C-alpha atoms as a PDB file:
ATOM      1  CA  MET A   1      46.078  23.858  43.856  1.00  0.00           C
ATOM      2  CA  LEU A   2      46.710  26.941  45.970  1.00  0.00           C
ATOM      3  CA  ARG A   3      43.396  26.408  47.718  1.00  0.00           C
ATOM      4  CA  ILE A   4      44.460  22.862  48.612  1.00  0.00           C
ATOM      5  CA  PHE A   5      47.778  24.185  49.909  1.00  0.00           C
ATOM      6  CA  ASP A   6      45.886  26.735  52.029  1.00  0.00           C
ATOM      7  CA  LEU A   7      43.756  23.894  53.341  1.00  0.00           C
ATOM      8  CA  PHE A   8      46.866  22.025  54.488  1.00  0.00           C
ATOM      9  CA  LYS A   9      48.086  25.172  56.244  1.00  0.00           C
ATOM     10  CA  CYS A  10      44.785  25.263  58.116  1.00  0.00           C
ATOM     11  CA  TYR A  11      45.262  21.604  59.100  1.00  0.00           C
ATOM     12  CA  TYR A  12      48.620  22.437  60.604  1.00  0.00           C
ATOM     13  CA  ASN A  13      47.198  25.501  62.326  1.00  0.00           C
ATOM     14  CA  GLY A  14      50.408  27.394  61.725  1.00  0.00           C
ATOM     15  CA  LYS A  15      50.724  30.757  60.038  1.00  0.00           C
ATOM     16  CA  ASN A  16      54.491  30.339  60.063  1.00  0.00           C
ATOM     17  CA  PHE A  17      54.454  26.669  59.146  1.00  0.00           C
ATOM     18  CA  LYS A  18      56.792  26.024  56.207  1.00  0.00           C
ATOM     19  CA  MET A  19      55.949  22.845  54.366  1.00  0.00           C
ATOM     20  CA  SER A  20      58.645  21.079  52.350  1.00  0.00           C
ATOM     21  CA  LEU A  21      57.798  19.769  48.893  1.00  0.00           C
ATOM     22  CA  THR A  22      58.004  16.150  50.119  1.00  0.00           C
ATOM     23  CA  LEU A  23      55.636  16.787  53.004  1.00  0.00           C
ATOM     24  CA  TYR A  24      53.304  18.753  50.753  1.00  0.00           C
ATOM     25  CA  LEU A  25      53.155  15.918  48.206  1.00  0.00           C
ATOM     26  CA  LEU A  26      52.510  13.307  50.907  1.00  0.00           C
ATOM     27  CA  ASN A  27      49.710  15.443  52.307  1.00  0.00           C
ATOM     28  CA  LEU A  28      48.278  15.879  48.834  1.00  0.00           C
ATOM     29  CA  LEU A  29      48.332  12.127  48.216  1.00  0.00           C
ATOM     30  CA  GLU A  30      46.682  11.536  51.586  1.00  0.00           C
ATOM     31  CA  PHE A  31      44.029  14.143  50.783  1.00  0.00           C
ATOM     32  CA  ILE A  32      43.238  12.484  47.445  1.00  0.00           C
ATOM     33  CA  CYS A  33      43.691   8.785  48.230  1.00  0.00           C
ATOM     34  CA  ALA A  34      42.978   8.159  51.922  1.00  0.00           C
ATOM     35  CA  LYS A  35      39.182   8.036  51.653  1.00  0.00           C
ATOM     36  CA  PRO A  36      39.110   5.658  48.649  1.00  0.00           C
ATOM     37  CA  ILE A  37      41.613   3.374  50.396  1.00  0.00           C
ATOM     38  CA  ALA A  38      39.517   3.454  53.579  1.00  0.00           C
ATOM     39  CA  TYR A  39      36.401   2.552  51.576  1.00  0.00           C
ATOM     40  CA  PHE A  40      38.235  -0.330  49.867  1.00  0.00           C
ATOM     41  CA  LEU A  41      39.576  -1.693  53.178  1.00  0.00           C
ATOM     42  CA  LYS A  42      36.179  -1.584  54.835  1.00  0.00           C
ATOM     43  CA  LYS A  43      34.309  -2.922  51.815  1.00  0.00           C
ATOM     44  CA  PHE A  44      36.585  -5.852  51.028  1.00  0.00           C
ATOM     45  CA  GLY A  45      38.338  -6.494  54.354  1.00  0.00           C
ATOM     46  CA  LYS A  46      35.414  -8.450  55.719  1.00  0.00           C
ATOM     47  CA  ILE A  47      37.349 -10.525  58.255  1.00  0.00           C
ATOM     48  CA  ARG A  48      39.338  -7.581  59.618  1.00  0.00           C
ATOM     49  CA  ARG A  49      36.169  -5.488  59.823  1.00  0.00           C
ATOM     50  CA  LYS A  50      34.479  -8.213  61.870  1.00  0.00           C
ATOM     51  CA  ILE A  51      37.528  -8.522  64.153  1.00  0.00           C
ATOM     52  CA  ALA A  52      37.523  -4.773  64.775  1.00  0.00           C
ATOM     53  CA  HIS A  53      33.774  -4.825  65.429  1.00  0.00           C
ATOM     54  CA  LYS A  54      34.170  -7.626  67.983  1.00  0.00           C
ATOM     55  CA  ASN A  55      37.105  -5.891  69.699  1.00  0.00           C
ATOM     56  CA  LEU A  56      35.095  -2.698  70.090  1.00  0.00           C
ATOM     57  CA  GLU A  57      32.154  -4.690  71.426  1.00  0.00           C
ATOM     58  CA  VAL A  58      34.396  -6.339  74.039  1.00  0.00           C
ATOM     59  CA  CYS A  59      36.258  -3.178  75.056  1.00  0.00           C
ATOM     60  CA  PHE A  60      33.359  -0.719  75.026  1.00  0.00           C
ATOM     61  CA  PRO A  61      30.286  -2.610  76.296  1.00  0.00           C
ATOM     62  CA  GLU A  62      28.980   0.639  77.763  1.00  0.00           C
ATOM     63  CA  LEU A  63      28.533   2.109  74.256  1.00  0.00           C
ATOM     64  CA  ASN A  64      25.584   1.316  72.048  1.00  0.00           C
ATOM     65  CA  GLU A  65      25.922  -0.162  68.558  1.00  0.00           C
ATOM     66  CA  LEU A  66      25.661   3.214  66.833  1.00  0.00           C
ATOM     67  CA  GLU A  67      28.424   4.718  68.984  1.00  0.00           C
ATOM     68  CA  ARG A  68      30.723   1.770  68.296  1.00  0.00           C
ATOM     69  CA  SER A  69      29.941   1.962  64.578  1.00  0.00           C
ATOM     70  CA  LYS A  70      31.044   5.593  64.529  1.00  0.00           C
ATOM     71  CA  ILE A  71      34.387   4.604  66.086  1.00  0.00           C
ATOM     72  CA  LEU A  72      34.732   1.779  63.551  1.00  0.00           C
ATOM     73  CA  ASN A  73      34.076   4.108  60.611  1.00  0.00           C
ATOM     74  CA  LYS A  74      36.630   6.616  61.912  1.00  0.00           C
ATOM     75  CA  HIS A  75      39.074   3.767  62.461  1.00  0.00           C
ATOM     76  CA  PHE A  76      38.920   2.762  58.808  1.00  0.00           C
ATOM     77  CA  SER A  77      39.454   6.398  57.853  1.00  0.00           C
ATOM     78  CA  HIS A  78      42.647   6.343  59.921  1.00  0.00           C
ATOM     79  CA  LEU A  79      43.645   3.047  58.297  1.00  0.00           C
ATOM     80  CA  GLY A  80      43.178   4.630  54.882  1.00  0.00           C
ATOM     81  CA  ALA A  81      45.541   7.440  55.858  1.00  0.00           C
ATOM     82  CA  SER A  82      48.022   5.224  57.693  1.00  0.00           C
ATOM     83  CA  ILE A  83      50.140   4.357  54.638  1.00  0.00           C
ATOM     84  CA  PHE A  84      50.824   8.065  54.114  1.00  0.00           C
ATOM     85  CA  HIS A  85      51.594   8.536  57.810  1.00  0.00           C
ATOM     86  CA  SER A  86      54.065   5.664  57.548  1.00  0.00           C
ATOM     87  CA  LEU A  87      55.675   7.233  54.491  1.00  0.00           C
ATOM     88  CA  LYS A  88      56.139  10.449  56.447  1.00  0.00           C
ATOM     89  CA  ALA A  89      58.066   8.504  59.073  1.00  0.00           C
ATOM     90  CA  TRP A  90      60.143   6.674  56.465  1.00  0.00           C
ATOM     91  CA  VAL A  91      61.046   9.382  53.940  1.00  0.00           C
ATOM     92  CA  LEU A  92      60.945  12.798  55.634  1.00  0.00           C
ATOM     93  CA  SER A  93      64.202  14.403  56.679  1.00  0.00           C
ATOM     94  CA  LYS A  94      64.776  14.871  60.404  1.00  0.00           C
ATOM     95  CA  ASN A  95      63.967  18.580  60.223  1.00  0.00           C
ATOM     96  CA  ASP A  96      60.795  18.004  58.205  1.00  0.00           C
ATOM     97  CA  PHE A  97      59.686  15.233  60.523  1.00  0.00           C
ATOM     98  CA  LYS A  98      60.072  17.507  63.544  1.00  0.00           C
ATOM     99  CA  LYS A  99      57.537  19.854  61.945  1.00  0.00           C
ATOM    100  CA  LEU A 100      54.873  17.223  62.568  1.00  0.00           C
ATOM    101  CA  LEU A 101      55.468  17.376  66.331  1.00  0.00           C
ATOM    102  CA  ILE A 102      53.765  20.012  68.429  1.00  0.00           C
ATOM    103  CA  ASN A 103      55.618  19.810  71.742  1.00  0.00           C
ATOM    104  CA  LEU A 104      59.018  18.236  71.079  1.00  0.00           C
ATOM    105  CA  ASN A 105      60.763  21.239  72.651  1.00  0.00           C
ATOM    106  CA  GLU A 106      59.163  20.406  76.016  1.00  0.00           C
ATOM    107  CA  PHE A 107      61.498  17.420  76.418  1.00  0.00           C
ATOM    108  CA  ASP A 108      65.184  17.415  77.347  1.00  0.00           C
ATOM    109  CA  LEU A 109      66.449  15.271  74.482  1.00  0.00           C
ATOM    110  CA  ASP A 110      70.045  15.361  75.726  1.00  0.00           C
ATOM    111  CA  GLU A 111      68.980  13.812  79.000  1.00  0.00           C
ATOM    112  CA  LEU A 112      66.873  11.153  77.300  1.00  0.00           C
ATOM    113  CA  THR A 113      69.347  10.154  74.568  1.00  0.00           C
ATOM    114  CA  LYS A 114      72.471  10.292  76.737  1.00  0.00           C
ATOM    115  CA  SER A 115      71.093   8.628  79.850  1.00  0.00           C
ATOM    116  CA  LEU A 116      73.459   5.985  81.249  1.00  0.00           C
ATOM    117  CA  GLU A 117      70.498   3.864  82.296  1.00  0.00           C
ATOM    118  CA  GLY A 118      68.807   1.634  79.810  1.00  0.00           C
ATOM    119  CA  ASN A 119      65.334   2.768  78.794  1.00  0.00           C
ATOM    120  CA  LEU A 120      62.555   0.443  77.698  1.00  0.00           C
ATOM    121  CA  VAL A 121      60.155   2.493  75.574  1.00  0.00           C
ATOM    122  CA  LEU A 122      56.736   0.890  75.186  1.00  0.00           C
ATOM    123  CA  ILE A 123      54.358   2.031  72.456  1.00  0.00           C
ATOM    124  CA  PRO A 124      50.859   0.791  71.498  1.00  0.00           C
ATOM    125  CA  HIS A 125      49.664  -0.494  68.141  1.00  0.00           C
ATOM    126  CA  THR A 126      48.036   2.520  66.521  1.00  0.00           C
ATOM    127  CA  THR A 127      47.404   3.570  62.943  1.00  0.00           C
ATOM    128  CA  ASP A 128      50.297   6.032  63.404  1.00  0.00           C
ATOM    129  CA  LEU A 129      52.648   3.327  64.617  1.00  0.00           C
ATOM    130  CA  GLU A 130      55.556   4.270  62.346  1.00  0.00           C
ATOM    131  CA  ILE A 131      55.280   7.935  63.344  1.00  0.00           C
ATOM    132  CA  THR A 132      55.411   6.902  67.009  1.00  0.00           C
ATOM    133  CA  GLY A 133      58.430   4.697  66.338  1.00  0.00           C
ATOM    134  CA  ARG A 134      60.356   7.503  64.713  1.00  0.00           C
ATOM    135  CA  VAL A 135      59.444   9.841  67.575  1.00  0.00           C
ATOM    136  CA  ALA A 136      60.927   7.269  69.965  1.00  0.00           C
ATOM    137  CA  ALA A 137      64.093   7.136  67.854  1.00  0.00           C
ATOM    138  CA  LEU A 138      64.304  10.922  67.896  1.00  0.00           C
ATOM    139  CA  MET A 139      63.965  11.100  71.668  1.00  0.00           C
ATOM    140  CA  PHE A 140      65.931   8.051  72.814  1.00  0.00           C
ATOM    141  CA  ASP A 141      68.434   6.964  70.130  1.00  0.00           C
ATOM    142  CA  VAL A 142      66.698   3.635  70.329  1.00  0.00           C
ATOM    143  CA  ASN A 143      66.993   0.041  69.145  1.00  0.00           C
ATOM    144  CA  ALA A 144      63.737  -1.556  68.023  1.00  0.00           C
ATOM    145  CA  MET A 145      62.103  -4.945  67.820  1.00  0.00           C
ATOM    146  CA  ALA A 146      60.099  -5.605  64.649  1.00  0.00           C
ATOM    147  CA  LYS A 147      58.616  -8.441  62.635  1.00  0.00           C
ATOM    148  CA  LYS A 148      59.566  -9.151  59.050  1.00  0.00           C
ATOM    149  CA  GLN A 149      56.968  -8.124  56.486  1.00  0.00           C
ATOM    150  CA  LYS A 150      55.536 -10.296  53.764  1.00  0.00           C
ATOM    151  CA  GLY A 151      57.061  -9.626  50.375  1.00  0.00           C
ATOM    152  CA  LYS A 152      60.795  -9.154  49.932  1.00  0.00           C
ATOM    153  CA  LEU A 153      60.616  -5.761  48.238  1.00  0.00           C
ATOM    154  CA  VAL A 154      58.185  -4.318  50.801  1.00  0.00           C
ATOM    155  CA  ASN A 155      60.220  -5.761  53.660  1.00  0.00           C
ATOM    156  CA  LYS A 156      63.465  -4.310  52.257  1.00  0.00           C
ATOM    157  CA  PHE A 157      61.966  -0.850  51.754  1.00  0.00           C
ATOM    158  CA  ILE A 158      60.479  -0.717  55.258  1.00  0.00           C
ATOM    159  CA  PHE A 159      63.550  -2.061  57.044  1.00  0.00           C
ATOM    160  CA  ASP A 160      65.943   0.108  55.024  1.00  0.00           C
ATOM    161  CA  SER A 161      63.791   3.126  55.888  1.00  0.00           C
ATOM    162  CA  ARG A 162      63.653   2.263  59.581  1.00  0.00           C
ATOM    163  CA  ALA A 163      67.402   1.653  59.649  1.00  0.00           C
ATOM    164  CA  LYS A 164      67.918   5.357  58.946  1.00  0.00           C
ATOM    165  CA  TYR A 165      66.699   6.276  62.425  1.00  0.00           C
ATOM    166  CA  PHE A 166      66.871   3.123  64.600  1.00  0.00           C
ATOM    167  CA  LYS A 167      70.293   2.068  65.919  1.00  0.00           C
ATOM    168  CA  GLN A 168      69.544  -1.545  65.038  1.00  0.00           C
ATOM    169  CA  ILE A 169      66.473  -3.652  64.432  1.00  0.00           C
ATOM    170  CA  LEU A 170      66.005  -6.922  66.281  1.00  0.00           C
ATOM    171  CA  PHE A 171      63.513  -9.697  65.644  1.00  0.00           C
ATOM    172  CA  PRO A 172      61.079 -11.220  68.181  1.00  0.00           C
ATOM    173  CA  ASN A 173      63.275 -14.312  68.605  1.00  0.00           C
ATOM    174  CA  GLU A 174      66.189 -12.126  69.778  1.00  0.00           C
ATOM    175  CA  VAL A 175      64.827 -11.498  73.264  1.00  0.00           C
ATOM    176  CA  LEU A 176      68.109 -12.335  75.004  1.00  0.00           C
ATOM    177  CA  LYS A 177      70.006  -9.929  72.768  1.00  0.00           C
ATOM    178  CA  SER A 178      67.426  -7.251  73.555  1.00  0.00           C
ATOM    179  CA  MET A 179      67.833  -7.892  77.275  1.00  0.00           C
ATOM    180  CA  ARG A 180      71.623  -7.577  77.007  1.00  0.00           C
ATOM    181  CA  LEU A 181      71.247  -4.212  75.274  1.00  0.00           C
ATOM    182  CA  LEU A 182      69.145  -2.934  78.168  1.00  0.00           C
ATOM    183  CA  GLN A 183      71.659  -4.316  80.675  1.00  0.00           C
ATOM    184  CA  LYS A 184      74.398  -2.385  78.860  1.00  0.00           C
ATOM    185  CA  GLY A 185      72.423   0.825  79.282  1.00  0.00           C
ATOM    186  CA  GLU A 186      71.031   1.037  75.752  1.00  0.00           C
ATOM    187  CA  ASN A 187      67.455   1.879  74.810  1.00  0.00           C
ATOM    188  CA  LEU A 188      64.867  -0.496  73.351  1.00  0.00           C
ATOM    189  CA  LEU A 189      61.527   0.121  71.632  1.00  0.00           C
ATOM    190  CA  TYR A 190      58.922  -2.582  72.267  1.00  0.00           C
ATOM    191  CA  LEU A 191      55.219  -3.105  71.497  1.00  0.00           C
ATOM    192  CA  PRO A 192      53.608  -5.038  74.369  1.00  0.00           C
ATOM    193  CA  ASP A 193      49.923  -5.052  73.315  1.00  0.00           C
ATOM    194  CA  GLN A 194      49.815  -8.158  71.187  1.00  0.00           C
ATOM    195  CA  ASP A 195      48.872 -11.761  71.864  1.00  0.00           C
ATOM    196  CA  TYR A 196      52.158 -13.683  71.567  1.00  0.00           C
ATOM    197  CA  GLY A 197      50.750 -16.968  72.902  1.00  0.00           C
ATOM    198  CA  TYR A 198      50.873 -18.759  76.248  1.00  0.00           C
ATOM    199  CA  ASP A 199      54.595 -19.450  76.606  1.00  0.00           C
ATOM    200  CA  HIS A 200      55.808 -15.952  77.456  1.00  0.00           C
ATOM    201  CA  SER A 201      52.622 -14.280  78.694  1.00  0.00           C
ATOM    202  CA  ILE A 202      50.103 -14.313  81.539  1.00  0.00           C
ATOM    203  CA  PHE A 203      46.443 -13.304  81.730  1.00  0.00           C
ATOM    204  CA  VAL A 204      46.017  -9.771  83.041  1.00  0.00           C
ATOM    205  CA  PRO A 205      42.953  -7.483  82.901  1.00  0.00           C
ATOM    206  CA  TYR A 206      42.687  -5.319  79.794  1.00  0.00           C
ATOM    207  CA  PHE A 207      39.440  -3.383  79.442  1.00  0.00           C
ATOM    208  CA  ASN A 208      38.271  -5.636  82.316  1.00  0.00           C
ATOM    209  CA  VAL A 209      38.856  -8.736  80.186  1.00  0.00           C
ATOM    210  CA  PRO A 210      41.522 -11.355  81.073  1.00  0.00           C
ATOM    211  CA  THR A 211      44.021 -10.894  78.257  1.00  0.00           C
ATOM    212  CA  LEU A 212      47.345 -12.576  77.503  1.00  0.00           C
ATOM    213  CA  THR A 213      50.019  -9.974  78.221  1.00  0.00           C
ATOM    214  CA  VAL A 214      53.687 -10.503  77.434  1.00  0.00           C
ATOM    215  CA  LYS A 215      55.983 -10.746  80.473  1.00  0.00           C
ATOM    216  CA  PHE A 216      58.989  -9.057  78.882  1.00  0.00           C
ATOM    217  CA  PRO A 217      58.536  -5.485  80.218  1.00  0.00           C
ATOM    218  CA  SER A 218      58.419  -6.595  83.855  1.00  0.00           C
ATOM    219  CA  ILE A 219      61.236  -9.123  83.448  1.00  0.00           C
ATOM    220  CA  ALA A 220      63.376  -6.522  81.654  1.00  0.00           C
ATOM    221  CA  LYS A 221      62.839  -4.120  84.550  1.00  0.00           C
ATOM    222  CA  LYS A 222      63.895  -6.751  87.070  1.00  0.00           C
ATOM    223  CA  ARG A 223      66.967  -8.011  85.217  1.00  0.00           C
ATOM    224  CA  SER A 224      68.344  -4.743  83.861  1.00  0.00           C
ATOM    225  CA  GLY A 225      67.050  -2.079  86.239  1.00  0.00           C
ATOM    226  CA  CYS A 226      66.039  -0.039  83.194  1.00  0.00           C
ATOM    227  CA  LYS A 227      63.566   2.801  83.258  1.00  0.00           C
ATOM    228  CA  VAL A 228      60.253   1.955  81.619  1.00  0.00           C
ATOM    229  CA  TYR A 229      58.431   4.600  79.583  1.00  0.00           C
ATOM    230  CA  PHE A 230      55.068   4.586  77.859  1.00  0.00           C
ATOM    231  CA  LEU A 231      54.997   6.714  74.714  1.00  0.00           C
ATOM    232  CA  HIS A 232      51.971   7.559  72.617  1.00  0.00           C
ATOM    233  CA  LEU A 233      50.798  10.394  70.417  1.00  0.00           C
ATOM    234  CA  GLU A 234      47.698  12.537  70.354  1.00  0.00           C
ATOM    235  CA  GLU A 235      46.761  13.661  66.857  1.00  0.00           C
ATOM    236  CA  ILE A 236      45.748  17.324  66.675  1.00  0.00           C
ATOM    237  CA  LYS A 237      44.928  18.780  63.244  1.00  0.00           C
ATOM    238  CA  LYS A 238      47.308  16.480  61.359  1.00  0.00           C
ATOM    239  CA  ARG A 239      50.147  17.074  63.813  1.00  0.00           C
ATOM    240  CA  TYR A 240      51.096  15.162  66.952  1.00  0.00           C
ATOM    241  CA  LYS A 241      51.386  15.919  70.628  1.00  0.00           C
ATOM    242  CA  ILE A 242      53.918  13.650  72.342  1.00  0.00           C
ATOM    243  CA  ILE A 243      52.816  12.035  75.597  1.00  0.00           C
ATOM    244  CA  LEU A 244      55.685  10.365  77.429  1.00  0.00           C
ATOM    245  CA  LYS A 245      55.350   9.039  80.964  1.00  0.00           C
ATOM    246  CA  GLU A 246      57.525   6.800  83.082  1.00  0.00           C
ATOM    247  CA  ILE A 247      55.770   3.671  84.333  1.00  0.00           C
ATOM    248  CA  ASP A 248      56.514   2.830  87.944  1.00  0.00           C
ATOM    249  CA  MET A 249      57.156  -0.881  87.505  1.00  0.00           C
ATOM    250  CA  SER A 250      58.878  -2.688  90.359  1.00  0.00           C
ATOM    251  CA  GLY A 251      60.096  -5.714  88.443  1.00  0.00           C
ATOM    252  CA  GLU A 252      59.159  -7.771  91.521  1.00  0.00           C
ATOM    253  CA  ASP A 253      55.420  -8.260  90.968  1.00  0.00           C
ATOM    254  CA  LEU A 254      54.806  -9.518  87.452  1.00  0.00           C
ATOM    255  CA  TYR A 255      51.011  -9.334  87.610  1.00  0.00           C
ATOM    256  CA  ALA A 256      50.917  -5.840  89.137  1.00  0.00           C
ATOM    257  CA  ASP A 257      53.468  -4.511  86.632  1.00  0.00           C
ATOM    258  CA  LEU A 258      51.549  -5.818  83.625  1.00  0.00           C
ATOM    259  CA  ALA A 259      48.183  -4.706  85.014  1.00  0.00           C
ATOM    260  CA  LEU A 260      49.626  -1.195  85.378  1.00  0.00           C
ATOM    261  CA  LEU A 261      50.917  -1.307  81.799  1.00  0.00           C
ATOM    262  CA  ASN A 262      47.582  -2.489  80.410  1.00  0.00           C
ATOM    263  CA  LYS A 263      45.800   0.301  82.263  1.00  0.00           C
ATOM    264  CA  LYS A 264      48.166   2.877  80.701  1.00  0.00           C
ATOM    265  CA  ILE A 265      47.419   1.482  77.253  1.00  0.00           C
ATOM    266  CA  GLU A 266      43.684   1.456  77.934  1.00  0.00           C
ATOM    267  CA  ILE A 267      43.713   5.095  79.054  1.00  0.00           C
ATOM    268  CA  SER A 268      45.588   6.143  75.911  1.00  0.00           C
ATOM    269  CA  ILE A 269      43.078   4.277  73.732  1.00  0.00           C
ATOM    270  CA  ARG A 270      40.096   5.907  75.400  1.00  0.00           C
ATOM    271  CA  GLU A 271      41.535   9.338  74.579  1.00  0.00           C
ATOM    272  CA  GLN A 272      41.377   8.695  70.805  1.00  0.00           C
ATOM    273  CA  PRO A 273      39.784   5.256  70.293  1.00  0.00           C
ATOM    274  CA  ALA A 274      39.580   5.385  66.476  1.00  0.00           C
ATOM    275  CA  ARG A 275      43.392   5.519  66.184  1.00  0.00           C
ATOM    276  CA  TYR A 276      43.992   2.186  67.906  1.00  0.00           C
ATOM    277  CA  LEU A 277      44.634  -0.825  65.659  1.00  0.00           C
ATOM    278  CA  TRP A 278      41.405  -2.686  66.305  1.00  0.00           C
ATOM    279  CA  ILE A 279      41.883  -5.067  63.383  1.00  0.00           C
ATOM    280  CA  HIS A 280      44.378  -7.315  65.176  1.00  0.00           C
ATOM    281  CA  ARG A 281      43.257 -10.329  67.231  1.00  0.00           C
ATOM    282  CA  ARG A 282      44.112  -9.071  70.711  1.00  0.00           C
ATOM    283  CA  PHE A 283      41.975 -11.722  72.442  1.00  0.00           C
ATOM    284  CA  LYS A 284      42.738 -14.817  70.360  1.00  0.00           C
ATOM    285  CA  HIS A 285      43.881 -16.950  73.343  1.00  0.00           C
ATOM    286  CA  ARG A 286      41.538 -17.399  76.285  1.00  0.00           C
ATOM    287  CA  PRO A 287      41.874 -18.769  79.814  1.00  0.00           C
ATOM    288  CA  LYS A 288      40.930 -22.403  80.262  1.00  0.00           C
ATOM    289  CA  ASP A 289      37.141 -22.937  80.285  1.00  0.00           C
ATOM    290  CA  ASP A 290      36.491 -19.360  79.043  1.00  0.00           C
ATOM    291  CA  LEU A 291      34.348 -18.862  75.973  1.00  0.00           C
ATOM    292  CA  GLU A 292      36.130 -17.911  72.764  1.00  0.00           C
ATOM    293  CA  ILE A 293      35.766 -14.258  71.804  1.00  0.00           C
ATOM    294  CA  TYR A 294      36.304 -14.658  68.066  1.00  0.00           C
ATOM    295  CA  ASP A 295      34.299 -16.916  65.826  1.00  0.00           C
ATOM    296  CA  GLN A 296      36.490 -19.597  64.230  1.00  0.00           C
ATOM    297  CA  SER A 297      35.905 -18.003  60.841  1.00  0.00           C
ATOM    298  CA  LEU A 298      37.905 -14.989  62.082  1.00  0.00           C
ATOM    299  CA  MET A 299      40.949 -17.017  63.159  1.00  0.00           C
ATOM    300  CA  ARG A 300      43.947 -17.763  60.960  1.00  0.00           C
ATOM    301  CA  LYS A 301      43.915 -21.225  59.489  1.00  0.00           C
ATOM    302  CA  LYS A 302      46.920 -23.271  60.614  1.00  0.00           C
END
């Protein structure tokens, strides 16, 4: 047991790193269970595995099959660990959670949390999504948009956990309420890299592929004058480096704003491609007369 504890200390690369019992137990569970879970997901998640394979093929045509397979294998390893990363976001105390962050002290949290301007904080879908969300809450005192989960007990646990650090949680159909919060100078967390359908999106290049991209970030900038930030994390030896950059959206050119956003997301993915959530159908809607990217067997049945 002591040898395992020493191993965790090496992961965190900190001679003075003090690990709480809760964090230690979560790390132990991850150490024991993540690989079997990853194997199970890859072995029996046939449809999701094929979706991820196709996404990597579309986004990284310059790589050969072996190189993409290596990313896919690493991706499932991250998926296997993701439940434990989520638990860290949901159950760790504020002080313990801060121990996961390498460079939090580089940011002026007073300026970010007390800014009179509204801030729209955009984050990508990664396997450490819940960690990123809690980092945003720590830095911005933020409201968040989130979908309900399947299963009442799971949904209650997740939303009760998130409610501990988000000001309030809004649902995707509460766009007007979200806009009013930004107009009042509050902060909002939003995930823009998902195919929400034709009604509220336009086709914009993403990995050089025309991809439906939701209009909300650009419209929010125009209507509220908010600042727009892109937040993502770089994982380094089981801890996280925060990367926060303001996006220079004008709010006047919808296409240019969304193309800039997609490029920011693409750059962040290329830095650590295995951590991106490749199993979702990012390209499920196509421009008229374009070939479908996913085989019909990979699409949800209506």
